[in-house]
Amino acid sequence: MRRTVFNKDHEAFRQTIREFIAAEVVPHYPEWEQRGMVSRDLYRKLGELGVFGIEVPEEYGGAGETSFKFHAVISEECARAGVSFGGSNVHTALCLPYLLKYGTKEQLRRWMPAFVSGEMMTAIAMTEPGTGSDLAGMKTTAKLSDDGTHYVLNGAKTFITGGVQADRMLVCARTAPPTPEDRRSGISILVVDVRSEGYEVGRTLDKLGLKTSDTAELSFTDVKVPVEDLLGEEGKGFEYLTHNLPQERLGIAVGAYAQAAAAVRFAQEYVTDRTVFGRSVASFQNTKFVLADCKSDVDAMEAVVDRALEAHDAGELTAADAASAKLFTTETAATVIDRCLQLHGGYGYMREYPIARLYADTRVTRIYGGTSEVMRSIVAKSMGL
């Protein structure tokens, strides 16, 4: 079926990204996987390409686009090549919406030029050891100094994507204790300069997948953060985080669909070339049926993702819609990619084959951005259950 969600501008952008990946990413990817992060130079090149400024207003050096579909194109093209852009998705899809919606004009004038160029990479620190998805249970504190000029930040964070290479970290911290009526109250977001005294990057975490995306533990010991670097209003951080969750979950859904579609393509190419017992693997009925089932699943995922993209651009994507899309695509992608790996036989278990990387990379999509169990709870609640 003809896909109608993208226009000519999106397709022209797709070709640009595809050529960039072939020239600037694929040749270096094995080295980056060994290092556990992409080259910092990649971020500067993405900045030069205009990737980081797509949704940034023109007055701050961006293109001023409002559609999320350009991010979808990047996800699809990265999956198609079996690569990623490291922590850049956090920079643009997670951090940027907070900065644009809640940042002051003075803050945007300070931060956006370097944000757009890739000279200043951002990440966001929410999760803490022992709290997981329970953000309201965070213990990190930011106390206002007696003279009111700065906050004093203390605490620790974990599973922070982009945590090693970030220059500014959006840190979620308690500026006031929770109340008995609302344990979510009192959380604020500070945009912290990682060069600040007392800011420490701990272990770089050794993950199952997403090997080129640096993920770290962070600690803060009496870190002084100027009040000018408070994002939005004090105490409204949880509200801000909730506001951006539908887009975050849409992005994960798009990525899961793209990975599954890529897996089917990798499997089809492999079984066509591979021979056993004097026949191509593609000639066996089981192979045909497995790939037919997988393609049907991917077609269904594409329909869900495209509908969600249209709803998001129209400002109509609800939290329940995004949760449903994430739940369906991530769970279905896991099944599709597993079956496509099986068609590769023993070679599918080797990381030199992109199907193995997809298998490892996609597993976390059912965890981050809210677990599948949390998504089921959101959808059930929307049904009045």
Protein backbone atom coordinates (compact mmCIF):
# COMPACT_ATOMS: atom_id res chain seq x y z
CA MET A 1 0.00 0.00 0.00
CA ARG A 2 1.14 3.51 -0.78
CA ARG A 3 2.33 5.39 2.26
CA THR A 4 1.00 8.93 2.53
CA VAL A 5 2.35 10.19 5.86
CA PHE A 6 5.47 11.78 4.31
CA ASN A 7 5.62 14.56 1.72
CA LYS A 8 8.30 15.55 -0.80
CA ASP A 9 10.27 17.51 1.79
CA HIS A 10 10.41 14.49 4.08
CA GLU A 11 11.54 12.23 1.24
CA ALA A 12 14.25 14.67 0.15
CA PHE A 13 15.43 14.78 3.75
CA ARG A 14 15.37 10.97 3.81
CA GLN A 15 17.76 10.81 0.86
CA THR A 16 20.10 13.28 2.55
CA ILE A 17 20.13 11.23 5.76
CA ARG A 18 20.63 7.98 3.86
CA GLU A 19 23.66 9.37 2.05
CA PHE A 20 25.04 10.83 5.29
CA ILE A 21 24.72 7.47 7.06
CA ALA A 22 26.50 5.66 4.23
CA ALA A 23 29.39 8.13 4.17
CA GLU A 24 29.79 9.23 7.79
CA VAL A 25 28.38 6.47 9.99
CA VAL A 26 28.59 2.98 8.47
CA PRO A 27 32.39 3.03 7.91
CA HIS A 28 33.04 4.00 11.56
CA TYR A 29 30.28 2.07 13.30
CA PRO A 30 32.24 -1.02 14.40
CA GLU A 31 34.86 1.24 16.01
CA TRP A 32 32.18 3.23 17.84
CA GLU A 33 30.60 0.04 19.12
CA GLN A 34 33.93 -1.02 20.57
CA ARG A 35 34.36 2.40 22.24
CA GLY A 36 30.83 2.38 23.62
CA MET A 37 29.95 5.74 22.10
CA VAL A 38 29.97 7.59 18.80
CA SER A 39 32.65 10.07 17.88
CA ARG A 40 31.98 13.55 19.18
CA ASP A 41 32.74 14.73 15.66
CA LEU A 42 29.55 12.97 14.50
CA TYR A 43 27.49 15.42 16.54
CA ARG A 44 29.19 18.39 14.96
CA LYS A 45 28.56 16.93 11.50
CA LEU A 46 24.90 16.37 12.36
CA GLY A 47 24.80 20.00 13.45
CA GLU A 48 26.28 21.12 10.15
CA LEU A 49 23.69 19.00 8.35
CA GLY A 50 20.95 20.86 10.19
CA VAL A 51 19.59 17.83 12.05
CA PHE A 52 19.72 19.46 15.50
CA GLY A 53 17.97 22.61 14.35
CA ILE A 54 14.96 21.17 12.55
CA GLU A 55 12.47 22.19 15.25
CA VAL A 56 14.42 25.16 16.62
CA PRO A 57 12.84 28.54 15.74
CA GLU A 58 14.61 30.51 13.03
CA GLU A 59 15.48 33.33 15.45
CA TYR A 60 17.76 30.88 17.27
CA GLY A 61 19.38 29.44 14.16
CA GLY A 62 17.01 26.59 13.34
CA ALA A 63 14.59 25.70 10.56
CA GLY A 64 11.43 26.29 12.60
CA GLU A 65 9.70 23.05 11.58
CA THR A 66 6.95 21.76 13.87
CA SER A 67 6.45 18.27 12.44
CA PHE A 68 7.83 15.25 14.27
CA LYS A 69 7.96 13.36 10.98
CA PHE A 70 11.54 14.42 10.30
CA HIS A 71 12.58 12.55 13.46
CA ALA A 72 10.66 9.54 12.15
CA VAL A 73 12.63 9.65 8.92
CA ILE A 74 15.91 9.61 10.88
CA SER A 75 14.75 6.62 12.94
CA GLU A 76 13.75 4.71 9.84
CA GLU A 77 16.99 5.39 8.01
CA CYS A 78 19.17 4.49 10.98
CA ALA A 79 17.29 1.22 11.43
CA ARG A 80 17.51 0.50 7.72
CA ALA A 81 21.30 0.69 7.93
CA GLY A 82 21.49 -1.08 11.30
CA VAL A 83 23.14 1.93 13.00
CA SER A 84 22.30 4.76 15.40
CA PHE A 85 23.37 8.35 16.03
CA GLY A 86 24.36 7.64 19.63
CA GLY A 87 22.75 9.96 22.16
CA SER A 88 21.55 12.50 19.59
CA ASN A 89 17.94 11.34 19.78
CA VAL A 90 17.83 12.31 23.46
CA HIS A 91 19.31 15.69 22.51
CA THR A 92 16.60 16.50 19.95
CA ALA A 93 13.52 14.40 20.75
CA LEU A 94 13.64 14.55 24.56
CA CYS A 95 15.57 17.61 25.71
CA LEU A 96 14.65 20.09 22.99
CA PRO A 97 10.88 20.04 23.67
CA TYR A 98 11.50 20.96 27.31
CA LEU A 99 13.90 23.74 26.39
CA LEU A 100 11.62 25.26 23.76
CA LYS A 101 8.44 25.09 25.82
CA TYR A 102 9.77 26.12 29.22
CA GLY A 103 12.99 28.02 28.49
CA THR A 104 13.06 31.82 28.70
CA LYS A 105 14.18 33.93 25.75
CA GLU A 106 17.39 34.68 27.61
CA GLN A 107 18.06 30.98 28.15
CA LEU A 108 17.32 30.13 24.53
CA ARG A 109 19.63 32.87 23.31
CA ARG A 110 22.37 31.42 25.51
CA TRP A 111 21.89 27.76 24.68
CA MET A 112 20.37 27.34 21.22
CA PRO A 113 23.29 28.33 18.95
CA ALA A 114 25.56 25.69 20.49
CA PHE A 115 22.64 23.23 20.70
CA VAL A 116 21.97 23.56 16.97
CA SER A 117 25.65 23.28 15.98
CA GLY A 118 26.31 20.19 18.10
CA GLU A 119 28.94 22.01 20.14
CA MET A 120 26.70 21.66 23.20
CA MET A 121 25.05 18.26 23.63
CA THR A 122 22.25 17.80 26.11
CA ALA A 123 20.78 14.86 28.03
CA ILE A 124 18.20 14.43 30.76
CA ALA A 125 18.66 12.82 34.17
CA MET A 126 15.46 11.45 35.69
CA THR A 127 15.97 7.87 36.86
CA GLU A 128 17.65 7.15 40.19
CA PRO A 129 19.01 3.95 41.73
CA GLY A 130 16.13 2.15 43.40
CA THR A 131 13.29 4.22 41.92
CA GLY A 132 13.01 3.02 38.31
CA SER A 133 9.73 4.23 36.78
CA ASP A 134 8.65 5.83 40.08
CA LEU A 135 9.88 9.34 39.34
CA ALA A 136 7.95 10.75 42.26
CA GLY A 137 10.22 8.75 44.53
CA MET A 138 13.37 10.63 43.52
CA LYS A 139 15.75 11.64 46.31
CA THR A 140 18.07 14.09 44.52
CA THR A 141 17.67 17.54 46.06
CA ALA A 142 18.34 21.10 44.95
CA LYS A 143 18.18 23.58 47.80
CA LEU A 144 18.07 27.31 47.18
CA SER A 145 20.98 29.17 48.73
CA ASP A 146 20.36 31.70 51.50
CA ASP A 147 21.11 34.60 49.16
CA GLY A 148 18.81 33.19 46.44
CA THR A 149 21.48 33.18 43.73
CA HIS A 150 21.90 29.45 43.19
CA TYR A 151 20.71 25.96 44.02
CA VAL A 152 22.89 23.38 45.76
CA LEU A 153 22.41 20.03 44.03
CA ASN A 154 23.02 16.69 45.76
CA GLY A 155 22.13 13.15 44.74
CA ALA A 156 22.66 10.49 42.09
CA LYS A 157 21.15 9.34 38.80
CA THR A 158 21.52 6.18 36.73
CA PHE A 159 20.75 4.87 33.22
CA ILE A 160 21.42 8.33 31.77
CA THR A 161 21.63 8.11 27.99
CA GLY A 162 24.20 10.53 26.61
CA GLY A 163 25.50 11.01 30.13
CA VAL A 164 29.17 10.72 29.20
CA GLN A 165 29.25 13.19 26.33
CA ALA A 166 26.63 15.72 27.48
CA ASP A 167 27.68 19.34 28.08
CA ARG A 168 24.41 20.38 29.72
CA MET A 169 22.32 17.96 31.76
CA LEU A 170 18.63 18.54 32.49
CA VAL A 171 18.55 17.26 36.06
CA CYS A 172 15.26 16.51 37.78
CA ALA A 173 15.56 17.23 41.49
CA ARG A 174 13.47 18.02 44.52
CA THR A 175 13.42 21.71 45.36
CA ALA A 176 10.78 20.92 48.00
CA PRO A 177 9.70 17.73 49.77
CA PRO A 178 6.57 15.92 48.60
CA THR A 179 3.31 16.63 50.36
CA PRO A 180 1.01 13.97 51.85
CA GLU A 181 -1.61 14.97 49.29
CA ASP A 182 0.74 14.91 46.27
CA ARG A 183 4.03 13.02 46.32
CA ARG A 184 4.76 14.35 42.81
CA SER A 185 5.00 17.94 43.96
CA GLY A 186 8.26 19.77 44.60
CA ILE A 187 10.19 18.49 41.57
CA SER A 188 12.05 20.99 39.38
CA ILE A 189 14.33 20.79 36.33
CA LEU A 190 17.78 22.39 36.39
CA VAL A 191 19.93 22.74 33.26
CA VAL A 192 23.30 21.93 34.77
CA ASP A 193 26.71 22.71 33.29
CA VAL A 194 28.61 19.41 33.56
CA ARG A 195 31.85 21.31 34.21
CA SER A 196 30.51 22.45 37.58
CA GLU A 197 32.50 21.47 40.65
CA GLY A 198 30.98 18.41 42.35
CA TYR A 199 29.38 17.08 39.15
CA GLU A 200 30.75 13.61 38.48
CA VAL A 201 30.23 11.11 35.68
CA GLY A 202 30.54 7.65 37.22
CA ARG A 203 30.53 4.30 35.48
CA THR A 204 29.78 4.03 31.80
CA LEU A 205 27.24 1.22 31.89
CA ASP A 206 27.83 -1.91 29.83
CA LYS A 207 24.49 -2.54 28.13
CA LEU A 208 23.09 -5.53 26.28
CA GLY A 209 22.44 -3.39 23.21
CA LEU A 210 22.62 0.21 21.94
CA LYS A 211 26.38 -0.09 22.15
CA THR A 212 27.12 3.29 20.54
CA SER A 213 24.85 5.16 22.94
CA ASP A 214 26.82 6.16 26.04
CA THR A 215 24.86 5.47 29.22
CA ALA A 216 26.22 6.54 32.57
CA GLU A 217 25.77 6.95 36.29
CA LEU A 218 25.94 10.51 37.62
CA SER A 219 26.51 11.96 41.07
CA PHE A 220 26.16 15.49 42.43
CA THR A 221 27.95 16.75 45.54
CA ASP A 222 27.09 20.33 46.48
CA VAL A 223 26.90 21.36 42.84
CA LYS A 224 26.09 25.06 42.52
CA VAL A 225 23.52 25.76 39.82
CA PRO A 226 22.67 29.43 39.09
CA VAL A 227 18.99 30.27 39.50
CA GLU A 228 19.14 31.50 35.90
CA ASP A 229 19.46 27.84 34.88
CA LEU A 230 16.15 26.73 36.42
CA LEU A 231 13.92 25.53 33.58
CA GLY A 232 10.40 26.82 33.88
CA GLU A 233 8.85 27.28 37.30
CA GLU A 234 10.08 25.76 40.51
CA GLY A 235 8.10 22.71 41.62
CA LYS A 236 6.41 22.02 38.27
CA GLY A 237 8.95 19.51 36.95
CA PHE A 238 6.69 16.47 37.17
CA GLU A 239 4.00 18.28 35.23
CA TYR A 240 6.56 19.17 32.57
CA LEU A 241 7.80 15.59 32.33
CA THR A 242 4.27 14.28 31.92
CA HIS A 243 3.56 16.78 29.15
CA ASN A 244 6.36 15.43 26.94
CA LEU A 245 5.74 11.72 27.50
CA PRO A 246 3.39 11.20 24.52
CA GLN A 247 6.07 12.45 22.09
CA GLU A 248 8.76 10.41 23.81
CA ARG A 249 6.64 7.26 23.53
CA LEU A 250 5.74 8.03 19.93
CA GLY A 251 9.45 8.24 19.15
CA ILE A 252 10.01 4.81 20.71
CA ALA A 253 7.08 3.39 18.73
CA VAL A 254 8.50 4.77 15.49
CA GLY A 255 11.89 3.26 16.29
CA ALA A 256 10.40 -0.15 17.09
CA TYR A 257 8.47 -0.19 13.81
CA ALA A 258 11.58 0.87 11.89
CA GLN A 259 13.68 -1.85 13.50
CA ALA A 260 11.10 -4.52 12.69
CA ALA A 261 10.83 -3.36 9.08
CA ALA A 262 14.62 -3.45 8.78
CA ALA A 263 14.71 -6.95 10.29
CA VAL A 264 12.35 -8.27 7.63
CA ARG A 265 14.51 -6.75 4.90
CA PHE A 266 17.71 -8.20 6.40
CA ALA A 267 16.09 -11.63 6.72
CA GLN A 268 14.71 -11.60 3.20
CA GLU A 269 18.11 -10.71 1.77
CA TYR A 270 19.83 -13.38 3.84
CA VAL A 271 17.48 -16.28 3.01
CA THR A 272 17.58 -15.39 -0.67
CA ASP A 273 21.37 -15.68 -0.78
CA ARG A 274 21.84 -18.55 1.71
CA THR A 275 21.60 -22.15 0.48
CA VAL A 276 21.07 -25.38 2.43
CA PHE A 277 20.62 -28.88 1.05
CA GLY A 278 21.20 -27.46 -2.41
CA ARG A 279 18.31 -24.98 -2.18
CA SER A 280 17.97 -21.39 -1.13
CA VAL A 281 16.55 -20.96 2.35
CA ALA A 282 13.91 -18.69 0.78
CA SER A 283 12.53 -21.62 -1.21
CA PHE A 284 11.29 -23.49 1.86
CA GLN A 285 7.63 -23.09 2.75
CA ASN A 286 8.40 -22.34 6.39
CA THR A 287 10.62 -19.43 5.39
CA LYS A 288 7.94 -17.99 3.16
CA PHE A 289 5.27 -18.29 5.82
CA VAL A 290 7.44 -16.77 8.57
CA LEU A 291 8.36 -13.79 6.42
CA ALA A 292 4.75 -13.36 5.29
CA ASP A 293 3.62 -13.23 8.92
CA CYS A 294 6.39 -10.79 9.77
CA LYS A 295 5.51 -8.51 6.87
CA SER A 296 1.86 -8.50 7.94
CA ASP A 297 2.91 -7.50 11.44
CA VAL A 298 5.11 -4.72 10.09
CA ASP A 299 2.28 -3.45 7.89
CA ALA A 300 0.05 -3.24 10.96
CA MET A 301 2.80 -1.44 12.92
CA GLU A 302 3.24 1.03 10.08
CA ALA A 303 -0.47 1.86 10.12
CA VAL A 304 -0.41 2.49 13.87
CA VAL A 305 2.74 4.62 13.68
CA ASP A 306 1.54 6.68 10.74
CA ARG A 307 -1.80 7.38 12.40
CA ALA A 308 0.03 8.40 15.58
CA LEU A 309 2.37 10.69 13.64
CA GLU A 310 -0.57 12.44 12.01
CA ALA A 311 -2.31 12.80 15.37
CA HIS A 312 0.83 14.23 16.97
CA ASP A 313 1.33 16.81 14.23
CA ALA A 314 -2.33 17.81 14.63
CA GLY A 315 -1.90 18.17 18.40
CA GLU A 316 -4.33 15.31 19.03
CA LEU A 317 -2.08 12.50 20.29
CA THR A 318 -3.25 11.63 23.81
CA ALA A 319 -1.22 9.92 26.52
CA ALA A 320 -3.33 6.79 26.07
CA ASP A 321 -2.88 6.87 22.27
CA ALA A 322 0.90 7.08 22.65
CA ALA A 323 0.95 4.34 25.28
CA SER A 324 -1.10 2.06 23.05
CA ALA A 325 1.17 2.71 20.05
CA LYS A 326 4.30 2.07 22.11
CA LEU A 327 2.90 -1.09 23.66
CA PHE A 328 1.82 -2.60 20.35
CA THR A 329 4.88 -1.71 18.30
CA THR A 330 7.52 -2.66 20.87
CA GLU A 331 5.92 -5.98 21.74
CA THR A 332 5.32 -6.83 18.08
CA ALA A 333 8.83 -5.76 17.05
CA ALA A 334 10.29 -8.16 19.60
CA THR A 335 8.42 -11.07 18.00
CA VAL A 336 9.24 -10.04 14.43
CA ILE A 337 12.95 -9.52 15.06
CA ASP A 338 13.24 -12.79 16.96
CA ARG A 339 11.69 -14.71 14.07
CA CYS A 340 13.90 -12.94 11.53
CA LEU A 341 16.98 -13.79 13.57
CA GLN A 342 15.89 -17.44 13.63
CA LEU A 343 15.88 -17.46 9.83
CA HIS A 344 19.57 -16.49 9.91
CA GLY A 345 20.44 -19.61 11.89
CA GLY A 346 23.72 -19.43 13.79
CA TYR A 347 24.86 -16.37 11.86
CA GLY A 348 21.97 -14.41 13.34
CA TYR A 349 23.66 -14.69 16.73
CA MET A 350 26.82 -12.99 15.48
CA ARG A 351 27.04 -9.25 16.09
CA GLU A 352 28.68 -8.71 12.71
CA TYR A 353 25.21 -9.28 11.27
CA PRO A 354 22.81 -6.34 11.73
CA ILE A 355 19.98 -8.64 12.80
CA ALA A 356 21.92 -9.48 15.98
CA ARG A 357 22.33 -5.78 16.80
CA LEU A 358 18.64 -5.16 16.17
CA TYR A 359 17.74 -8.06 18.47
CA ALA A 360 19.78 -6.59 21.32
CA ASP A 361 18.87 -2.97 20.65
CA THR A 362 15.11 -3.47 20.52
CA ARG A 363 14.85 -5.22 23.89
CA VAL A 364 15.04 -1.98 25.88
CA THR A 365 12.12 -0.43 24.01
CA ARG A 366 9.76 -2.41 26.26
CA ILE A 367 11.44 -0.86 29.30
CA TYR A 368 12.47 2.76 28.74
CA GLY A 369 9.95 5.53 28.30
CA GLY A 370 7.68 3.48 30.57
CA THR A 371 7.57 -0.31 30.72
CA SER A 372 5.01 -2.36 28.81
CA GLU A 373 3.30 -2.98 32.15
CA VAL A 374 2.94 0.77 32.71
CA MET A 375 1.62 1.19 29.16
CA ARG A 376 -1.03 -1.46 29.81
CA SER A 377 -2.08 0.38 32.97
CA ILE A 378 -2.42 3.67 31.07
CA VAL A 379 -4.47 2.09 28.29
CA ALA A 380 -6.66 0.21 30.76
CA LYS A 381 -7.30 3.41 32.71
CA SER A 382 -8.36 5.19 29.52
CA MET A 383 -10.89 2.39 29.01
CA GLY A 384 -12.39 3.13 32.41
CA LEU A 385 -11.00 -0.04 33.93
